[in-house]
Protein backbone atom coordinates (compact mmCIF):
# COMPACT_ATOMS: atom_id res chain seq x y z
CA MET A 1 0.00 0.00 0.00
CA GLU A 2 1.39 3.37 -0.91
CA ASN A 3 2.05 6.06 1.66
CA LEU A 4 -0.68 8.71 1.34
CA ASP A 5 -0.11 12.32 2.40
CA GLY A 6 3.21 11.46 4.05
CA VAL A 7 1.58 9.48 6.85
CA ASN A 8 3.46 6.27 7.67
CA SER A 9 0.97 3.51 8.43
CA GLU A 10 0.44 -0.06 7.34
CA ILE A 11 -3.21 -0.16 8.40
CA TYR A 12 -5.85 1.55 6.25
CA ILE A 13 -9.61 1.84 6.50
CA LYS A 14 -11.87 1.52 3.48
CA ILE A 15 -15.54 2.42 3.61
CA ASP A 16 -17.69 1.07 0.81
CA GLY A 17 -14.51 0.31 -1.16
CA LYS A 18 -12.79 3.73 -0.83
CA ILE A 19 -9.71 4.41 1.33
CA VAL A 20 -10.75 6.99 3.91
CA ALA A 21 -8.08 6.81 6.63
CA CYS A 22 -4.86 5.30 7.88
CA VAL A 23 -4.63 4.24 11.51
CA GLU A 24 -1.90 3.52 14.01
CA LYS A 25 -3.81 1.07 16.22
CA TYR A 26 -6.76 -1.27 15.62
CA GLU A 27 -8.62 -3.34 18.23
CA GLU A 28 -11.54 -5.72 17.86
CA LYS A 29 -13.77 -7.38 20.45
CA ALA A 30 -16.36 -10.05 19.67
CA VAL A 31 -19.39 -9.70 21.94
CA PHE A 32 -22.00 -12.43 22.41
CA ASN A 33 -25.50 -12.01 23.81
CA ASN A 34 -25.73 -15.23 25.82
CA LEU A 35 -29.01 -16.48 27.24
CA LEU A 36 -29.09 -18.28 30.60
CA ILE A 37 -31.82 -20.93 30.93
CA GLU A 38 -33.15 -21.20 34.46
CA THR A 39 -35.66 -23.66 35.90
CA ILE A 40 -37.82 -23.55 38.99
CA GLY A 41 -36.18 -25.25 41.93
CA GLU A 42 -32.59 -25.09 40.60
CA SER A 43 -30.07 -22.84 42.32
CA ALA A 44 -28.01 -22.33 39.15
CA PRO A 45 -28.91 -21.99 35.46
CA VAL A 46 -29.26 -25.31 33.66
CA ALA A 47 -27.90 -24.04 30.34
CA ASN A 48 -25.98 -21.17 28.83
CA LEU A 49 -26.87 -20.65 25.17
CA ARG A 50 -24.58 -18.64 22.95
CA GLY A 51 -26.47 -15.84 21.28
CA LYS A 52 -25.78 -13.67 18.28
CA GLU A 53 -22.41 -12.03 18.04
CA ARG A 54 -21.44 -8.49 17.15
CA TYR A 55 -18.08 -6.81 16.90
CA ASN A 56 -16.85 -3.69 18.67
CA ILE A 57 -14.02 -2.08 16.73
CA GLU A 58 -11.76 0.75 17.89
CA PHE A 59 -9.24 2.69 15.84
CA SER A 60 -6.73 4.94 17.59
CA LYS A 61 -4.66 7.76 16.15
CA SER A 62 -6.28 7.91 12.72
CA TYR A 63 -5.55 10.31 9.89
CA ILE A 64 -8.75 10.82 7.88
CA TYR A 65 -8.66 11.71 4.19
CA THR A 66 -11.68 13.99 4.20
CA GLY A 67 -11.30 14.97 0.56
CA LEU A 68 -11.82 11.37 -0.55
CA MET A 69 -15.30 11.09 0.98
CA GLY A 70 -16.65 14.62 0.55
CA GLY A 71 -15.64 15.80 4.03
CA GLU A 72 -15.86 14.42 7.54
CA GLN A 73 -19.62 14.96 7.78
CA SER A 74 -20.15 12.70 4.79
CA LEU A 75 -17.96 10.06 6.41
CA PHE A 76 -19.46 10.22 9.89
CA ASN A 77 -23.07 10.35 8.67
CA LYS A 78 -22.70 6.93 7.03
CA ARG A 79 -25.17 4.31 8.28
CA ASN A 80 -25.19 0.53 7.80
CA PHE A 81 -21.92 0.62 5.84
CA GLU A 82 -19.20 -1.86 4.95
CA LEU A 83 -15.77 -1.20 6.44
CA THR A 84 -12.56 -2.94 5.40
CA VAL A 85 -9.40 -2.91 7.50
CA VAL A 86 -6.48 -3.27 5.09
CA MET A 87 -3.30 -4.73 6.59
CA PRO A 88 -0.12 -6.11 4.97
CA LYS A 89 -1.11 -9.80 5.00
CA LYS A 90 -4.88 -9.74 5.37
CA ASN A 91 -8.02 -7.67 5.10
CA VAL A 92 -10.90 -7.81 7.56
CA VAL A 93 -14.30 -6.87 6.14
CA TYR A 94 -17.08 -5.77 8.50
CA SER A 95 -20.65 -5.22 7.38
CA GLY A 96 -23.70 -3.71 9.05
CA CYS A 97 -21.45 -1.07 10.63
CA GLU A 98 -22.62 1.87 12.75
CA TRP A 99 -20.47 4.53 14.44
CA THR A 100 -20.73 4.56 18.25
CA ASN A 101 -18.09 7.15 19.21
CA ILE A 102 -15.95 9.63 17.29
CA SER A 103 -13.34 11.83 18.98
CA THR A 104 -11.62 14.17 16.48
CA ASN A 105 -9.13 17.02 16.20
CA ILE A 106 -9.57 19.33 13.25
CA GLY A 107 -6.52 21.15 11.89
CA VAL A 108 -5.71 23.08 8.76
CA ASN A 109 -6.28 20.78 5.76
CA ASN A 110 -6.53 17.63 7.86
CA LEU A 111 -8.62 15.76 10.37
CA THR A 112 -7.22 13.38 12.93
CA ALA A 113 -9.18 11.13 15.24
CA ASP A 114 -8.03 10.15 18.68
CA THR A 115 -10.57 7.31 18.67
CA LEU A 116 -13.11 5.95 16.22
CA ASN A 117 -15.49 3.32 17.59
CA LEU A 118 -18.07 1.32 15.70
CA THR A 119 -20.09 -1.86 15.91
CA ALA A 120 -20.58 -4.41 13.15
CA VAL A 121 -22.83 -7.43 12.79
CA LYS A 122 -20.73 -9.50 10.39
CA ARG A 123 -16.98 -10.16 9.98
CA GLU A 124 -15.01 -11.82 7.20
CA GLU A 125 -11.24 -12.27 7.00
CA VAL A 126 -9.47 -12.29 3.62
CA ILE A 127 -5.85 -13.51 3.54
CA GLN A 128 -3.58 -11.71 1.04
CA LEU A 129 -1.07 -13.93 -0.77
């Protein structure tokens, strides 16, 4: 991946197929909505059923290419979008994404984000050969 705008990063974010940012740190947590089955007369649940999963994703220290998406408002107003994390040996594609937290710093001709948080309902990993 080429170095855009002089920012040195090996992790990039694509939204709906367009590169919109490079990031320094990326974290993912899988969250499951488990259901405990309880019965009358038992002191403990009799079963723990794994529920649907969702993913909480956090990007730290991001440089956002606002010109590529029509400005930060266009980027942050996206709903139910597909996000791809591009890394040297693999890509991770999330779908059904929604922003949950955005903390930004706006400077002359650039926008940086201290943290970008989102949730996704589906995850797919693509290995790059």
